[in-house]
C-alpha atoms as a PDB file:
ATOM      1  CA  UNK A   1     -44.679  46.198 -96.681  1.00  0.00           C
ATOM      2  CA  UNK A   2     -47.307  48.461 -95.777  1.00  0.00           C
ATOM      3  CA  UNK A   3     -46.227  50.587 -92.543  1.00  0.00           C
ATOM      4  CA  UNK A   4     -49.256  51.978 -90.038  1.00  0.00           C
ATOM      5  CA  UNK A   5     -46.868  55.073 -88.646  1.00  0.00           C
ATOM      6  CA  UNK A   6     -44.069  56.827 -90.404  1.00  0.00           C
ATOM      7  CA  UNK A   7     -42.192  59.636 -89.409  1.00  0.00           C
ATOM      8  CA  UNK A   8     -40.989  62.754 -92.063  1.00  0.00           C
ATOM      9  CA  UNK A   9     -37.297  64.145 -92.128  1.00  0.00           C
ATOM     10  CA  UNK A  10     -38.092  66.546 -89.611  1.00  0.00           C
ATOM     11  CA  UNK A  11     -39.540  64.408 -86.987  1.00  0.00           C
ATOM     12  CA  UNK A  12     -36.857  61.753 -87.381  1.00  0.00           C
ATOM     13  CA  UNK A  13     -33.986  64.539 -86.695  1.00  0.00           C
ATOM     14  CA  UNK A  14     -36.148  65.421 -83.632  1.00  0.00           C
ATOM     15  CA  UNK A  15     -35.982  62.359 -82.237  1.00  0.00           C
ATOM     16  CA  UNK A  16     -32.832  61.738 -82.549  1.00  0.00           C
ATOM     17  CA  UNK A  17     -32.285  65.043 -80.636  1.00  0.00           C
ATOM     18  CA  UNK A  18     -34.733  63.670 -77.782  1.00  0.00           C
ATOM     19  CA  UNK A  19     -32.832  60.772 -77.776  1.00  0.00           C
ATOM     20  CA  UNK A  20     -29.798  61.948 -77.235  1.00  0.00           C
ATOM     21  CA  UNK A  21     -30.755  63.581 -74.226  1.00  0.00           C
ATOM     22  CA  UNK A  22     -33.584  61.771 -72.656  1.00  0.00           C
ATOM     23  CA  UNK A  23     -32.512  58.193 -73.653  1.00  0.00           C
ATOM     24  CA  UNK A  24     -35.016  55.544 -75.512  1.00  0.00           C
ATOM     25  CA  UNK A  25     -38.163  56.989 -76.217  1.00  0.00           C
ATOM     26  CA  UNK A  26     -41.713  56.091 -76.478  1.00  0.00           C
ATOM     27  CA  UNK A  27     -44.785  57.308 -78.328  1.00  0.00           C
ATOM     28  CA  UNK A  28     -48.512  57.216 -77.990  1.00  0.00           C
ATOM     29  CA  UNK A  29     -50.939  59.098 -79.777  1.00  0.00           C
ATOM     30  CA  UNK A  30     -53.119  60.947 -77.313  1.00  0.00           C
ATOM     31  CA  UNK A  31     -56.928  60.809 -78.153  1.00  0.00           C
ATOM     32  CA  UNK A  32     -57.865  64.211 -76.517  1.00  0.00           C
ATOM     33  CA  UNK A  33     -58.222  65.696 -73.259  1.00  0.00           C
ATOM     34  CA  UNK A  34     -55.350  67.699 -72.108  1.00  0.00           C
ATOM     35  CA  UNK A  35     -53.184  67.530 -75.070  1.00  0.00           C
ATOM     36  CA  UNK A  36     -55.344  67.370 -78.122  1.00  0.00           C
ATOM     37  CA  UNK A  37     -54.830  64.581 -80.232  1.00  0.00           C
ATOM     38  CA  UNK A  38     -51.332  65.114 -80.566  1.00  0.00           C
ATOM     39  CA  UNK A  39     -48.196  62.461 -80.946  1.00  0.00           C
ATOM     40  CA  UNK A  40     -46.907  62.356 -77.393  1.00  0.00           C
ATOM     41  CA  UNK A  41     -43.302  61.185 -76.340  1.00  0.00           C
ATOM     42  CA  UNK A  42     -41.826  60.405 -73.368  1.00  0.00           C
ATOM     43  CA  UNK A  43     -38.926  58.685 -72.020  1.00  0.00           C
ATOM     44  CA  UNK A  44     -39.293  54.880 -72.873  1.00  0.00           C
ATOM     45  CA  UNK A  45     -41.337  53.245 -69.995  1.00  0.00           C
ATOM     46  CA  UNK A  46     -42.809  56.533 -68.608  1.00  0.00           C
ATOM     47  CA  UNK A  47     -45.938  55.536 -69.670  1.00  0.00           C
ATOM     48  CA  UNK A  48     -47.542  52.547 -68.926  1.00  0.00           C
ATOM     49  CA  UNK A  49     -48.856  50.493 -71.810  1.00  0.00           C
ATOM     50  CA  UNK A  50     -51.810  48.559 -70.988  1.00  0.00           C
ATOM     51  CA  UNK A  51     -53.806  45.789 -72.769  1.00  0.00           C
ATOM     52  CA  UNK A  52     -56.122  48.271 -74.841  1.00  0.00           C
ATOM     53  CA  UNK A  53     -52.971  49.872 -76.492  1.00  0.00           C
ATOM     54  CA  UNK A  54     -52.130  48.844 -79.957  1.00  0.00           C
ATOM     55  CA  UNK A  55     -48.235  48.817 -81.399  1.00  0.00           C
ATOM     56  CA  UNK A  56     -48.433  50.420 -84.716  1.00  0.00           C
ATOM     57  CA  UNK A  57     -45.129  50.329 -85.398  1.00  0.00           C
ATOM     58  CA  UNK A  58     -41.959  52.415 -84.750  1.00  0.00           C
ATOM     59  CA  UNK A  59     -40.422  55.580 -85.584  1.00  0.00           C
ATOM     60  CA  UNK A  60     -36.999  56.638 -85.410  1.00  0.00           C
ATOM     61  CA  UNK A  61     -36.762  52.555 -83.839  1.00  0.00           C
ATOM     62  CA  UNK A  62     -39.098  54.063 -80.742  1.00  0.00           C
ATOM     63  CA  UNK A  63     -42.264  52.225 -80.157  1.00  0.00           C
ATOM     64  CA  UNK A  64     -45.830  54.149 -81.483  1.00  0.00           C
ATOM     65  CA  UNK A  65     -48.806  53.222 -79.675  1.00  0.00           C
ATOM     66  CA  UNK A  66     -52.476  53.822 -79.659  1.00  0.00           C
ATOM     67  CA  UNK A  67     -55.402  53.359 -77.691  1.00  0.00           C
ATOM     68  CA  UNK A  68     -57.633  50.423 -79.378  1.00  0.00           C
ATOM     69  CA  UNK A  69     -61.073  52.603 -79.196  1.00  0.00           C
ATOM     70  CA  UNK A  70     -58.983  55.399 -81.356  1.00  0.00           C
ATOM     71  CA  UNK A  71     -57.232  52.786 -83.725  1.00  0.00           C
ATOM     72  CA  UNK A  72     -60.875  51.452 -84.658  1.00  0.00           C
ATOM     73  CA  UNK A  73     -61.478  54.502 -86.167  1.00  0.00           C
ATOM     74  CA  UNK A  74     -57.917  55.253 -87.365  1.00  0.00           C
ATOM     75  CA  UNK A  75     -56.981  51.589 -88.980  1.00  0.00           C
ATOM     76  CA  UNK A  76     -57.784  52.503 -92.490  1.00  0.00           C
ATOM     77  CA  UNK A  77     -55.210  55.282 -92.585  1.00  0.00           C
ATOM     78  CA  UNK A  78     -51.475  55.715 -92.063  1.00  0.00           C
ATOM     79  CA  UNK A  79     -50.280  58.070 -89.699  1.00  0.00           C
ATOM     80  CA  UNK A  80     -47.266  60.312 -90.775  1.00  0.00           C
ATOM     81  CA  UNK A  81     -45.545  62.051 -87.882  1.00  0.00           C
ATOM     82  CA  UNK A  82     -44.255  65.480 -88.786  1.00  0.00           C
ATOM     83  CA  UNK A  83     -43.129  68.499 -86.697  1.00  0.00           C
ATOM     84  CA  UNK A  84     -43.756  72.174 -86.579  1.00  0.00           C
ATOM     85  CA  UNK A  85     -42.902  75.345 -84.845  1.00  0.00           C
ATOM     86  CA  UNK A  86     -44.487  76.070 -81.416  1.00  0.00           C
ATOM     87  CA  UNK A  87     -45.163  74.822 -78.286  1.00  0.00           C
ATOM     88  CA  UNK A  88     -47.656  71.810 -78.349  1.00  0.00           C
ATOM     89  CA  UNK A  89     -48.449  69.231 -75.395  1.00  0.00           C
ATOM     90  CA  UNK A  90     -47.060  69.910 -71.896  1.00  0.00           C
ATOM     91  CA  UNK A  91     -46.237  66.452 -71.063  1.00  0.00           C
ATOM     92  CA  UNK A  92     -44.382  65.642 -74.375  1.00  0.00           C
ATOM     93  CA  UNK A  93     -40.647  66.107 -74.371  1.00  0.00           C
ATOM     94  CA  UNK A  94     -40.477  68.104 -77.481  1.00  0.00           C
ATOM     95  CA  UNK A  95     -42.280  71.287 -75.595  1.00  0.00           C
ATOM     96  CA  UNK A  96     -38.909  72.494 -74.415  1.00  0.00           C
ATOM     97  CA  UNK A  97     -37.344  72.626 -77.922  1.00  0.00           C
ATOM     98  CA  UNK A  98     -39.897  75.184 -79.319  1.00  0.00           C
ATOM     99  CA  UNK A  99     -41.147  72.412 -81.782  1.00  0.00           C
ATOM    100  CA  UNK A 100     -44.266  69.823 -81.504  1.00  0.00           C
ATOM    101  CA  UNK A 101     -45.394  66.670 -83.032  1.00  0.00           C
ATOM    102  CA  UNK A 102     -48.036  66.749 -85.368  1.00  0.00           C
ATOM    103  CA  UNK A 103     -49.973  63.985 -86.863  1.00  0.00           C
ATOM    104  CA  UNK A 104     -51.260  63.999 -90.467  1.00  0.00           C
ATOM    105  CA  UNK A 105     -52.570  60.861 -92.044  1.00  0.00           C
ATOM    106  CA  UNK A 106     -53.598  59.391 -95.440  1.00  0.00           C
ATOM    107  CA  UNK A 107     -56.080  56.903 -96.215  1.00  0.00           C
ATOM    108  CA  UNK A 108     -55.240  53.473 -97.282  1.00  0.00           C
ATOM    109  CA  UNK A 109     -55.204  52.039-100.980  1.00  0.00           C
ATOM    110  CA  UNK A 110     -57.561  49.280-101.196  1.00  0.00           C
ATOM    111  CA  UNK A 111     -54.051  47.218-102.122  1.00  0.00           C
ATOM    112  CA  UNK A 112     -52.625  48.368 -98.852  1.00  0.00           C
ATOM    113  CA  UNK A 113     -55.510  47.680 -96.423  1.00  0.00           C
ATOM    114  CA  UNK A 114     -55.429  43.831 -98.257  1.00  0.00           C
ATOM    115  CA  UNK A 115     -51.794  43.985 -97.076  1.00  0.00           C
ATOM    116  CA  UNK A 116     -52.812  45.167 -93.910  1.00  0.00           C
ATOM    117  CA  UNK A 117     -55.454  42.518 -93.084  1.00  0.00           C
ATOM    118  CA  UNK A 118     -53.192  39.341 -94.230  1.00  0.00           C
END
């Protein structure tokens, strides 16, 4: 099965650390503005999910969302959530850890696109 969003081992380790400190989490792919285009991590329920948000899947068993208008641009790519050193968005939980989540991507193959459309 093709997944729209996956996480590196480093991202999964950071998710586990944050989960131990804050409980269940949720992610939303930022579309710009204050925090650029970073994946944002919140305590589960702290961000209100609306009708225009798409559940892409989960990373570390935590839900990952993206706004529908942004999804229309990214639907042909797999998001790969990674971690790098440094401070990221000021609203995301990992900022105080001296690390930030980062979205990498790759285009789905023709076969993967067919599976996703089925």
